N, C-alpha and C. Protein backbone atom coordinates (compact mmCIF):
# COMPACT_ATOMS: atom_id res chain seq x y z
N UNK A 1 12.80 -9.84 32.67
CA UNK A 1 12.31 -8.85 31.74
C UNK A 1 11.76 -7.68 32.57
N UNK A 2 12.21 -6.47 32.22
CA UNK A 2 11.77 -5.31 32.99
C UNK A 2 10.41 -4.81 32.49
N UNK A 3 9.85 -3.86 33.21
CA UNK A 3 8.50 -3.35 32.91
C UNK A 3 8.44 -2.66 31.55
N UNK A 4 9.51 -1.94 31.20
CA UNK A 4 9.54 -1.24 29.91
C UNK A 4 9.48 -2.21 28.74
N UNK A 5 10.22 -3.30 28.83
CA UNK A 5 10.22 -4.30 27.77
C UNK A 5 8.86 -4.97 27.69
N UNK A 6 8.27 -5.28 28.84
CA UNK A 6 6.95 -5.92 28.85
C UNK A 6 5.90 -5.01 28.22
N UNK A 7 5.93 -3.73 28.57
CA UNK A 7 4.99 -2.77 28.01
C UNK A 7 5.19 -2.63 26.50
N UNK A 8 6.42 -2.62 26.08
CA UNK A 8 6.73 -2.52 24.65
C UNK A 8 6.20 -3.74 23.89
N UNK A 9 6.43 -4.93 24.44
CA UNK A 9 5.93 -6.15 23.80
C UNK A 9 4.40 -6.18 23.77
N UNK A 10 3.78 -5.72 24.84
CA UNK A 10 2.32 -5.67 24.90
C UNK A 10 1.77 -4.72 23.84
N UNK A 11 2.36 -3.54 23.72
CA UNK A 11 1.88 -2.58 22.72
C UNK A 11 2.11 -3.10 21.31
N UNK A 12 3.24 -3.77 21.08
CA UNK A 12 3.50 -4.37 19.78
C UNK A 12 2.47 -5.46 19.48
N UNK A 13 2.14 -6.25 20.45
CA UNK A 13 1.14 -7.30 20.25
C UNK A 13 -0.24 -6.73 19.95
N UNK A 14 -0.62 -5.69 20.67
CA UNK A 14 -1.92 -5.05 20.43
C UNK A 14 -1.95 -4.44 19.03
N UNK A 15 -0.87 -3.80 18.63
CA UNK A 15 -0.79 -3.21 17.30
C UNK A 15 -0.88 -4.28 16.22
N UNK A 16 -0.22 -5.39 16.42
CA UNK A 16 -0.26 -6.49 15.44
C UNK A 16 -1.67 -7.05 15.30
N UNK A 17 -2.34 -7.26 16.41
CA UNK A 17 -3.71 -7.77 16.38
C UNK A 17 -4.63 -6.77 15.69
N UNK A 18 -4.50 -5.48 16.02
CA UNK A 18 -5.32 -4.44 15.39
C UNK A 18 -5.10 -4.42 13.88
N UNK A 19 -3.84 -4.45 13.44
CA UNK A 19 -3.54 -4.44 12.00
C UNK A 19 -4.10 -5.66 11.30
N UNK A 20 -4.01 -6.81 11.93
CA UNK A 20 -4.56 -8.03 11.33
C UNK A 20 -6.08 -7.94 11.20
N UNK A 21 -6.74 -7.46 12.25
CA UNK A 21 -8.20 -7.30 12.20
C UNK A 21 -8.61 -6.26 11.16
N UNK A 22 -7.87 -5.17 11.06
CA UNK A 22 -8.16 -4.13 10.06
C UNK A 22 -8.02 -4.70 8.65
N UNK A 23 -6.97 -5.48 8.43
CA UNK A 23 -6.78 -6.10 7.11
C UNK A 23 -7.90 -7.07 6.77
N UNK A 24 -8.33 -7.85 7.74
CA UNK A 24 -9.43 -8.80 7.52
C UNK A 24 -10.73 -8.05 7.21
N UNK A 25 -11.01 -6.97 7.94
CA UNK A 25 -12.21 -6.18 7.68
C UNK A 25 -12.18 -5.55 6.28
N UNK A 26 -11.02 -5.07 5.86
CA UNK A 26 -10.90 -4.49 4.51
C UNK A 26 -11.16 -5.56 3.46
N UNK A 27 -10.58 -6.73 3.63
CA UNK A 27 -10.78 -7.81 2.65
C UNK A 27 -12.24 -8.24 2.60
N UNK A 28 -12.88 -8.38 3.75
CA UNK A 28 -14.30 -8.76 3.78
C UNK A 28 -15.15 -7.69 3.10
N UNK A 29 -14.84 -6.41 3.38
CA UNK A 29 -15.57 -5.32 2.74
C UNK A 29 -15.36 -5.30 1.24
N UNK A 30 -14.12 -5.53 0.79
CA UNK A 30 -13.85 -5.58 -0.65
C UNK A 30 -14.59 -6.76 -1.29
N UNK A 31 -14.64 -7.88 -0.60
CA UNK A 31 -15.35 -9.06 -1.09
C UNK A 31 -16.82 -8.70 -1.37
N UNK A 32 -17.46 -8.05 -0.39
CA UNK A 32 -18.87 -7.69 -0.53
C UNK A 32 -19.09 -6.61 -1.58
N UNK A 33 -18.15 -5.66 -1.70
CA UNK A 33 -18.25 -4.64 -2.74
C UNK A 33 -18.16 -5.28 -4.11
N UNK A 34 -17.25 -6.23 -4.27
CA UNK A 34 -17.14 -6.95 -5.54
C UNK A 34 -18.45 -7.63 -5.90
N UNK A 35 -19.06 -8.29 -4.92
CA UNK A 35 -20.33 -8.99 -5.17
C UNK A 35 -21.41 -7.99 -5.58
N UNK A 36 -21.49 -6.85 -4.88
CA UNK A 36 -22.48 -5.83 -5.22
C UNK A 36 -22.30 -5.30 -6.64
N UNK A 37 -21.06 -5.24 -7.09
CA UNK A 37 -20.76 -4.68 -8.41
C UNK A 37 -20.81 -5.75 -9.50
N UNK A 38 -21.15 -6.98 -9.16
CA UNK A 38 -21.29 -8.03 -10.15
C UNK A 38 -20.02 -8.82 -10.42
N UNK A 39 -19.04 -8.68 -9.57
CA UNK A 39 -17.80 -9.46 -9.71
C UNK A 39 -17.85 -10.61 -8.71
N UNK A 40 -16.87 -11.46 -8.77
CA UNK A 40 -16.76 -12.57 -7.82
C UNK A 40 -16.09 -12.05 -6.54
N UNK A 41 -16.56 -12.51 -5.40
CA UNK A 41 -16.02 -12.06 -4.13
C UNK A 41 -14.56 -12.45 -3.94
N UNK A 42 -14.18 -13.64 -4.38
CA UNK A 42 -12.82 -14.13 -4.16
C UNK A 42 -11.78 -13.28 -4.88
N UNK A 43 -12.21 -12.46 -5.84
CA UNK A 43 -11.25 -11.61 -6.55
C UNK A 43 -10.62 -10.56 -5.62
N UNK A 44 -11.22 -10.36 -4.47
CA UNK A 44 -10.65 -9.44 -3.49
C UNK A 44 -9.43 -10.02 -2.79
N UNK A 45 -9.20 -11.32 -2.94
CA UNK A 45 -8.10 -11.99 -2.24
C UNK A 45 -6.79 -11.97 -3.01
N UNK A 46 -6.82 -11.68 -4.30
CA UNK A 46 -5.63 -11.80 -5.14
C UNK A 46 -4.92 -10.44 -5.21
N UNK A 47 -3.69 -10.37 -4.70
CA UNK A 47 -2.97 -9.10 -4.72
C UNK A 47 -2.82 -8.57 -6.15
N UNK A 48 -2.86 -7.27 -6.29
CA UNK A 48 -2.81 -6.52 -7.54
C UNK A 48 -4.09 -6.69 -8.36
N UNK A 49 -4.58 -7.92 -8.50
CA UNK A 49 -5.82 -8.11 -9.25
C UNK A 49 -6.99 -7.47 -8.51
N UNK A 50 -6.96 -7.50 -7.17
CA UNK A 50 -8.05 -6.86 -6.41
C UNK A 50 -8.07 -5.36 -6.66
N UNK A 51 -6.92 -4.74 -6.84
CA UNK A 51 -6.87 -3.31 -7.16
C UNK A 51 -7.38 -3.09 -8.59
N UNK A 52 -7.05 -4.00 -9.49
CA UNK A 52 -7.55 -3.92 -10.87
C UNK A 52 -9.08 -3.94 -10.88
N UNK A 53 -9.67 -4.84 -10.10
CA UNK A 53 -11.13 -4.94 -10.03
C UNK A 53 -11.71 -3.67 -9.40
N UNK A 54 -11.12 -3.20 -8.29
CA UNK A 54 -11.63 -1.99 -7.64
C UNK A 54 -11.53 -0.75 -8.53
N UNK A 55 -10.45 -0.63 -9.28
CA UNK A 55 -10.35 0.51 -10.20
C UNK A 55 -11.39 0.40 -11.31
N UNK A 56 -11.72 -0.82 -11.71
CA UNK A 56 -12.80 -1.00 -12.69
C UNK A 56 -14.15 -0.63 -12.11
N UNK A 57 -14.41 -1.06 -10.88
CA UNK A 57 -15.66 -0.73 -10.21
C UNK A 57 -15.78 0.78 -10.03
N UNK A 58 -14.67 1.42 -9.71
CA UNK A 58 -14.69 2.86 -9.45
C UNK A 58 -14.69 3.70 -10.73
N UNK A 59 -14.54 3.06 -11.88
CA UNK A 59 -14.50 3.81 -13.13
C UNK A 59 -13.17 4.45 -13.41
N UNK A 60 -12.15 4.01 -12.73
CA UNK A 60 -10.80 4.58 -12.86
C UNK A 60 -9.81 3.49 -13.28
N UNK A 61 -10.19 2.69 -14.28
CA UNK A 61 -9.38 1.54 -14.67
C UNK A 61 -7.97 1.94 -15.12
N UNK A 62 -7.84 3.12 -15.74
CA UNK A 62 -6.50 3.54 -16.19
C UNK A 62 -5.57 3.79 -15.00
N UNK A 63 -6.14 4.08 -13.83
CA UNK A 63 -5.31 4.28 -12.65
C UNK A 63 -4.57 3.00 -12.24
N UNK A 64 -5.12 1.84 -12.60
CA UNK A 64 -4.46 0.60 -12.22
C UNK A 64 -3.05 0.53 -12.79
N UNK A 65 -2.89 0.97 -14.02
CA UNK A 65 -1.57 0.88 -14.67
C UNK A 65 -0.59 1.82 -13.99
N UNK A 66 -1.06 2.98 -13.53
CA UNK A 66 -0.22 3.86 -12.73
C UNK A 66 0.15 3.19 -11.42
N UNK A 67 -0.84 2.58 -10.79
CA UNK A 67 -0.60 1.87 -9.53
C UNK A 67 0.45 0.77 -9.72
N UNK A 68 0.29 0.00 -10.78
CA UNK A 68 1.21 -1.10 -11.04
C UNK A 68 2.63 -0.58 -11.27
N UNK A 69 2.76 0.48 -12.08
CA UNK A 69 4.09 1.04 -12.34
C UNK A 69 4.72 1.58 -11.05
N UNK A 70 3.92 2.27 -10.23
CA UNK A 70 4.44 2.81 -8.98
C UNK A 70 4.80 1.69 -8.00
N UNK A 71 4.00 0.63 -7.95
CA UNK A 71 4.30 -0.49 -7.06
C UNK A 71 5.59 -1.19 -7.49
N UNK A 72 5.78 -1.36 -8.78
CA UNK A 72 7.02 -1.97 -9.27
C UNK A 72 8.21 -1.06 -8.94
N UNK A 73 8.03 0.25 -9.13
CA UNK A 73 9.10 1.19 -8.76
C UNK A 73 9.43 1.13 -7.29
N UNK A 74 8.39 0.99 -6.45
CA UNK A 74 8.60 0.87 -5.00
C UNK A 74 9.40 -0.39 -4.68
N UNK A 75 9.06 -1.49 -5.31
CA UNK A 75 9.78 -2.74 -5.08
C UNK A 75 11.24 -2.59 -5.51
N UNK A 76 11.48 -1.96 -6.66
CA UNK A 76 12.85 -1.76 -7.13
C UNK A 76 13.62 -0.87 -6.16
N UNK A 77 12.98 0.19 -5.65
CA UNK A 77 13.69 1.07 -4.71
C UNK A 77 14.01 0.33 -3.41
N UNK A 78 13.13 -0.56 -2.98
CA UNK A 78 13.42 -1.35 -1.78
C UNK A 78 14.57 -2.33 -2.01
N UNK A 79 14.62 -2.92 -3.20
CA UNK A 79 15.74 -3.82 -3.52
C UNK A 79 17.04 -3.03 -3.55
N UNK A 80 17.01 -1.84 -4.15
CA UNK A 80 18.21 -1.00 -4.15
C UNK A 80 18.64 -0.62 -2.73
N UNK A 81 17.66 -0.36 -1.87
CA UNK A 81 17.97 -0.05 -0.48
C UNK A 81 18.65 -1.24 0.19
N UNK A 82 18.14 -2.44 -0.06
CA UNK A 82 18.74 -3.64 0.53
C UNK A 82 20.18 -3.81 0.05
N UNK A 83 20.41 -3.59 -1.25
CA UNK A 83 21.78 -3.69 -1.76
C UNK A 83 22.68 -2.62 -1.16
N UNK A 84 22.14 -1.42 -0.96
CA UNK A 84 22.92 -0.36 -0.31
C UNK A 84 23.24 -0.74 1.13
N UNK A 85 22.25 -1.33 1.81
CA UNK A 85 22.46 -1.76 3.19
C UNK A 85 23.52 -2.85 3.26
N UNK A 86 23.45 -3.82 2.36
CA UNK A 86 24.46 -4.88 2.33
C UNK A 86 25.83 -4.29 2.03
N UNK A 87 25.88 -3.33 1.11
CA UNK A 87 27.15 -2.67 0.80
C UNK A 87 27.71 -1.92 1.98
N UNK A 88 26.83 -1.34 2.82
CA UNK A 88 27.32 -0.61 3.98
C UNK A 88 27.95 -1.55 5.00
N UNK A 89 27.46 -2.78 5.10
CA UNK A 89 28.08 -3.74 6.01
C UNK A 89 29.49 -4.07 5.56
N UNK A 90 29.70 -4.15 4.26
CA UNK A 90 31.06 -4.43 3.79
C UNK A 90 31.98 -3.26 4.04
N UNK A 91 31.42 -2.03 4.05
CA UNK A 91 32.25 -0.87 4.33
C UNK A 91 32.73 -0.91 5.77
N UNK A 92 31.83 -1.24 6.70
CA UNK A 92 32.17 -1.18 8.12
C UNK A 92 32.80 -2.46 8.65
N UNK A 93 32.61 -3.57 7.96
CA UNK A 93 33.16 -4.82 8.46
C UNK A 93 34.20 -5.42 7.52
N UNK A 94 34.48 -4.72 6.43
CA UNK A 94 35.43 -5.26 5.45
C UNK A 94 36.85 -5.29 5.98
N UNK A 95 37.70 -5.96 5.26
CA UNK A 95 39.10 -6.10 5.64
C UNK A 95 39.82 -4.79 5.30
N UNK A 96 40.29 -4.09 6.30
CA UNK A 96 40.94 -2.81 6.10
C UNK A 96 42.44 -2.94 5.85
N UNK A 97 42.95 -4.16 5.85
CA UNK A 97 44.39 -4.36 5.67
C UNK A 97 44.64 -5.24 4.46
N UNK A 98 45.62 -4.85 3.69
CA UNK A 98 46.13 -5.70 2.62
C UNK A 98 47.58 -5.96 3.00
N UNK A 99 47.83 -7.20 3.42
CA UNK A 99 49.14 -7.49 3.99
C UNK A 99 49.28 -6.74 5.29
N UNK A 100 50.34 -5.94 5.42
CA UNK A 100 50.53 -5.12 6.62
C UNK A 100 50.17 -3.66 6.39
N UNK A 101 49.59 -3.34 5.21
CA UNK A 101 49.30 -1.95 4.87
C UNK A 101 47.82 -1.67 5.13
N UNK A 102 47.53 -0.64 5.92
CA UNK A 102 46.15 -0.24 6.20
C UNK A 102 45.63 0.56 5.01
N UNK A 103 44.56 0.08 4.40
CA UNK A 103 44.00 0.81 3.25
C UNK A 103 42.81 1.67 3.67
N UNK A 104 42.11 1.30 4.71
CA UNK A 104 41.00 2.10 5.22
C UNK A 104 39.89 2.30 4.20
N UNK A 105 38.92 3.07 4.59
CA UNK A 105 37.82 3.43 3.69
C UNK A 105 37.76 4.94 3.66
N UNK A 106 37.88 5.47 2.49
CA UNK A 106 37.92 6.91 2.34
C UNK A 106 36.55 7.55 2.48
N UNK A 107 36.57 8.86 2.51
CA UNK A 107 35.33 9.62 2.61
C UNK A 107 34.44 9.39 1.40
N UNK A 108 35.03 9.16 0.25
CA UNK A 108 34.23 8.94 -0.95
C UNK A 108 33.34 7.71 -0.80
N UNK A 109 33.85 6.67 -0.16
CA UNK A 109 33.05 5.46 0.05
C UNK A 109 31.87 5.75 0.97
N UNK A 110 32.14 6.47 2.06
CA UNK A 110 31.06 6.80 3.00
C UNK A 110 30.05 7.75 2.37
N UNK A 111 30.51 8.72 1.60
CA UNK A 111 29.60 9.65 0.93
C UNK A 111 28.74 8.89 -0.07
N UNK A 112 29.35 7.96 -0.79
CA UNK A 112 28.59 7.15 -1.75
C UNK A 112 27.53 6.30 -1.06
N UNK A 113 27.92 5.74 0.10
CA UNK A 113 26.97 4.91 0.84
C UNK A 113 25.79 5.75 1.32
N UNK A 114 26.05 6.90 1.92
CA UNK A 114 24.97 7.75 2.41
C UNK A 114 24.17 8.32 1.26
N UNK A 115 24.82 8.60 0.16
CA UNK A 115 24.10 9.05 -1.04
C UNK A 115 23.16 7.97 -1.54
N UNK A 116 23.61 6.72 -1.49
CA UNK A 116 22.74 5.61 -1.89
C UNK A 116 21.52 5.50 -1.01
N UNK A 117 21.73 5.68 0.32
CA UNK A 117 20.59 5.66 1.24
C UNK A 117 19.61 6.78 0.92
N UNK A 118 20.12 7.99 0.70
CA UNK A 118 19.25 9.13 0.42
C UNK A 118 18.48 8.95 -0.87
N UNK A 119 19.14 8.45 -1.90
CA UNK A 119 18.46 8.25 -3.19
C UNK A 119 17.37 7.20 -3.07
N UNK A 120 17.65 6.09 -2.40
CA UNK A 120 16.63 5.05 -2.27
C UNK A 120 15.47 5.51 -1.40
N UNK A 121 15.75 6.27 -0.34
CA UNK A 121 14.66 6.81 0.48
C UNK A 121 13.81 7.81 -0.31
N UNK A 122 14.47 8.66 -1.11
CA UNK A 122 13.74 9.63 -1.91
C UNK A 122 12.86 8.92 -2.94
N UNK A 123 13.41 7.91 -3.61
CA UNK A 123 12.62 7.16 -4.58
C UNK A 123 11.45 6.46 -3.91
N UNK A 124 11.71 5.82 -2.78
CA UNK A 124 10.63 5.13 -2.07
C UNK A 124 9.54 6.12 -1.67
N UNK A 125 9.93 7.29 -1.19
CA UNK A 125 8.95 8.30 -0.81
C UNK A 125 8.11 8.77 -1.98
N UNK A 126 8.74 8.99 -3.11
CA UNK A 126 8.01 9.43 -4.30
C UNK A 126 7.02 8.35 -4.74
N UNK A 127 7.45 7.11 -4.74
CA UNK A 127 6.55 6.03 -5.16
C UNK A 127 5.40 5.84 -4.16
N UNK A 128 5.68 5.97 -2.88
CA UNK A 128 4.62 5.83 -1.87
C UNK A 128 3.59 6.95 -2.01
N UNK A 129 4.05 8.18 -2.23
CA UNK A 129 3.12 9.30 -2.42
C UNK A 129 2.29 9.07 -3.68
N UNK A 130 2.92 8.57 -4.75
CA UNK A 130 2.18 8.28 -5.98
C UNK A 130 1.12 7.21 -5.77
N UNK A 131 1.46 6.15 -5.06
CA UNK A 131 0.50 5.09 -4.78
C UNK A 131 -0.66 5.63 -3.95
N UNK A 132 -0.37 6.49 -2.99
CA UNK A 132 -1.42 7.08 -2.16
C UNK A 132 -2.34 7.97 -2.99
N UNK A 133 -1.78 8.74 -3.94
CA UNK A 133 -2.62 9.57 -4.81
C UNK A 133 -3.53 8.71 -5.68
N UNK A 134 -3.01 7.62 -6.22
CA UNK A 134 -3.85 6.70 -7.00
C UNK A 134 -4.96 6.15 -6.12
N UNK A 135 -4.64 5.79 -4.89
CA UNK A 135 -5.64 5.27 -3.95
C UNK A 135 -6.72 6.32 -3.66
N UNK A 136 -6.31 7.58 -3.51
CA UNK A 136 -7.28 8.65 -3.25
C UNK A 136 -8.27 8.76 -4.41
N UNK A 137 -7.76 8.81 -5.64
CA UNK A 137 -8.65 8.93 -6.80
C UNK A 137 -9.55 7.70 -6.95
N UNK A 138 -9.01 6.52 -6.63
CA UNK A 138 -9.82 5.31 -6.70
C UNK A 138 -10.95 5.36 -5.66
N UNK A 139 -10.65 5.82 -4.46
CA UNK A 139 -11.68 5.91 -3.41
C UNK A 139 -12.75 6.93 -3.76
N UNK A 140 -12.37 8.05 -4.36
CA UNK A 140 -13.35 9.04 -4.79
C UNK A 140 -14.27 8.43 -5.85
N UNK A 141 -13.70 7.73 -6.82
CA UNK A 141 -14.50 7.06 -7.84
C UNK A 141 -15.37 5.96 -7.26
N UNK A 142 -14.85 5.24 -6.28
CA UNK A 142 -15.61 4.17 -5.64
C UNK A 142 -16.83 4.73 -4.91
N UNK A 143 -16.65 5.83 -4.20
CA UNK A 143 -17.79 6.47 -3.52
C UNK A 143 -18.83 6.91 -4.54
N UNK A 144 -18.39 7.53 -5.65
CA UNK A 144 -19.33 7.94 -6.70
C UNK A 144 -20.05 6.74 -7.30
N UNK A 145 -19.34 5.63 -7.46
CA UNK A 145 -19.93 4.44 -8.07
C UNK A 145 -21.08 3.87 -7.26
N UNK A 146 -21.10 4.18 -5.98
CA UNK A 146 -22.18 3.72 -5.12
C UNK A 146 -23.13 4.87 -4.76
N UNK A 147 -22.99 6.01 -5.46
CA UNK A 147 -23.87 7.15 -5.22
C UNK A 147 -23.66 7.82 -3.89
N UNK A 148 -22.44 7.76 -3.37
CA UNK A 148 -22.14 8.31 -2.05
C UNK A 148 -21.41 9.64 -2.18
N UNK A 149 -21.46 10.44 -1.11
CA UNK A 149 -20.85 11.76 -1.13
C UNK A 149 -19.37 11.71 -0.76
N UNK A 150 -18.78 12.91 -0.69
CA UNK A 150 -17.36 13.02 -0.38
C UNK A 150 -16.97 12.52 0.99
N UNK A 151 -17.92 12.54 1.93
CA UNK A 151 -17.62 12.03 3.27
C UNK A 151 -17.26 10.55 3.24
N UNK A 152 -17.96 9.80 2.40
CA UNK A 152 -17.62 8.39 2.26
C UNK A 152 -16.26 8.22 1.60
N UNK A 153 -15.95 9.08 0.64
CA UNK A 153 -14.64 9.00 -0.01
C UNK A 153 -13.53 9.25 1.01
N UNK A 154 -13.71 10.24 1.86
CA UNK A 154 -12.72 10.52 2.91
C UNK A 154 -12.63 9.34 3.87
N UNK A 155 -13.78 8.75 4.21
CA UNK A 155 -13.78 7.57 5.07
C UNK A 155 -13.06 6.40 4.44
N UNK A 156 -13.27 6.18 3.14
CA UNK A 156 -12.57 5.10 2.44
C UNK A 156 -11.06 5.34 2.43
N UNK A 157 -10.66 6.59 2.33
CA UNK A 157 -9.24 6.91 2.27
C UNK A 157 -8.57 6.69 3.63
N UNK A 158 -9.19 7.21 4.69
CA UNK A 158 -8.51 7.21 5.99
C UNK A 158 -8.96 6.11 6.95
N UNK A 159 -10.15 5.58 6.77
CA UNK A 159 -10.64 4.49 7.63
C UNK A 159 -11.22 3.36 6.76
N UNK A 160 -10.39 2.78 5.91
CA UNK A 160 -10.92 1.75 5.01
C UNK A 160 -11.48 0.53 5.74
N UNK A 161 -10.93 0.22 6.91
CA UNK A 161 -11.41 -0.95 7.67
C UNK A 161 -12.81 -0.74 8.22
N UNK A 162 -13.29 0.51 8.22
CA UNK A 162 -14.66 0.81 8.64
C UNK A 162 -15.56 0.97 7.42
N UNK A 163 -15.11 1.73 6.43
CA UNK A 163 -15.98 2.12 5.32
C UNK A 163 -16.12 1.07 4.22
N UNK A 164 -15.11 0.23 3.99
CA UNK A 164 -15.30 -0.86 3.03
C UNK A 164 -16.41 -1.81 3.50
N UNK A 165 -16.39 -2.26 4.77
CA UNK A 165 -17.50 -3.10 5.23
C UNK A 165 -18.85 -2.37 5.24
N UNK A 166 -18.87 -1.07 5.56
CA UNK A 166 -20.14 -0.34 5.55
C UNK A 166 -20.74 -0.38 4.16
N UNK A 167 -19.95 -0.06 3.15
CA UNK A 167 -20.45 -0.06 1.77
C UNK A 167 -20.81 -1.48 1.35
N UNK A 168 -19.98 -2.44 1.72
CA UNK A 168 -20.23 -3.83 1.31
C UNK A 168 -21.46 -4.45 1.93
N UNK A 169 -21.72 -4.16 3.19
CA UNK A 169 -22.82 -4.84 3.90
C UNK A 169 -24.12 -4.04 3.98
N UNK A 170 -24.08 -2.75 3.70
CA UNK A 170 -25.28 -1.93 3.82
C UNK A 170 -26.29 -2.29 2.73
N UNK A 171 -27.51 -2.57 3.14
CA UNK A 171 -28.57 -2.87 2.18
C UNK A 171 -29.07 -1.63 1.47
N UNK A 172 -28.80 -0.45 2.03
CA UNK A 172 -29.27 0.80 1.43
C UNK A 172 -28.32 1.34 0.36
N UNK A 173 -27.10 0.85 0.34
CA UNK A 173 -26.11 1.35 -0.62
C UNK A 173 -26.07 0.39 -1.80
N UNK A 174 -26.38 0.91 -2.97
CA UNK A 174 -26.43 0.11 -4.20
C UNK A 174 -25.37 0.60 -5.18
N UNK A 175 -24.90 -0.33 -5.98
CA UNK A 175 -23.92 0.00 -7.02
C UNK A 175 -24.64 0.63 -8.20
N UNK A 176 -24.23 1.84 -8.56
CA UNK A 176 -24.84 2.56 -9.68
C UNK A 176 -24.14 2.19 -10.98
N UNK A 177 -22.85 2.28 -10.98
CA UNK A 177 -22.03 2.00 -12.15
C UNK A 177 -20.68 2.67 -11.99
N UNK A 178 -19.75 2.36 -12.88
CA UNK A 178 -18.41 2.96 -12.77
C UNK A 178 -18.48 4.48 -12.73
N UNK A 179 -17.85 5.06 -11.73
CA UNK A 179 -17.78 6.52 -11.53
C UNK A 179 -19.15 7.16 -11.40
N UNK A 180 -20.14 6.40 -10.95
CA UNK A 180 -21.47 6.93 -10.70
C UNK A 180 -22.37 7.03 -11.92
N UNK A 181 -21.92 6.48 -13.06
CA UNK A 181 -22.71 6.51 -14.29
C UNK A 181 -23.49 5.20 -14.36
N UNK A 182 -24.82 5.33 -14.56
CA UNK A 182 -25.69 4.14 -14.60
C UNK A 182 -25.27 3.22 -15.75
N UNK A 183 -25.06 1.97 -15.41
CA UNK A 183 -24.69 0.96 -16.40
C UNK A 183 -25.77 -0.11 -16.35
N UNK A 184 -26.63 -0.13 -17.34
CA UNK A 184 -27.80 -1.00 -17.28
C UNK A 184 -27.49 -2.48 -17.43
N UNK A 185 -26.31 -2.81 -17.92
CA UNK A 185 -25.94 -4.22 -18.04
C UNK A 185 -25.32 -4.78 -16.78
N UNK A 186 -25.16 -3.95 -15.79
CA UNK A 186 -24.47 -4.33 -14.55
C UNK A 186 -25.49 -4.79 -13.50
N UNK A 187 -25.06 -5.66 -12.63
CA UNK A 187 -25.91 -6.09 -11.51
C UNK A 187 -26.03 -4.94 -10.52
N UNK A 188 -27.19 -4.82 -9.91
CA UNK A 188 -27.37 -3.74 -8.93
C UNK A 188 -27.81 -4.32 -7.61
């Protein structure tokens, strides 16, 4: 194994460890935020439901349905991409001969294949941007729900592995209510 391959594997390993630690910190922070807001901590572990709980805490519960629709659209676009990819293998590895006659693959087949790639990438991009916008609005509402300023919202958006635990573990940060409105029936 040459030095370039070793360095590449090392950087990939460091990146994997960093991503795993970041994910664990986000989950722990979400767990503590749920507890502060009067929910059960384990609700942070269930995919999609954890976003439902966070949108409720942030006072942006209607955003969850947008998130869900965009996530389903993203999954569908990825499935379409996989089918397009499988179809492209048949174009390049398919049998080009019927008997002794070469049938080849015309330009229309290649244009259709590349068009399929472009459409699925465009759809995936639109859904990813939509999910990120929902996340931004949820983070702004989450910061307000704890009486925090825009700096915390920006931190939640771009450094969630730092700011979720800060909000969750800080004794000085208290849950006010959804979207920063005092809710007297809620745990504080």
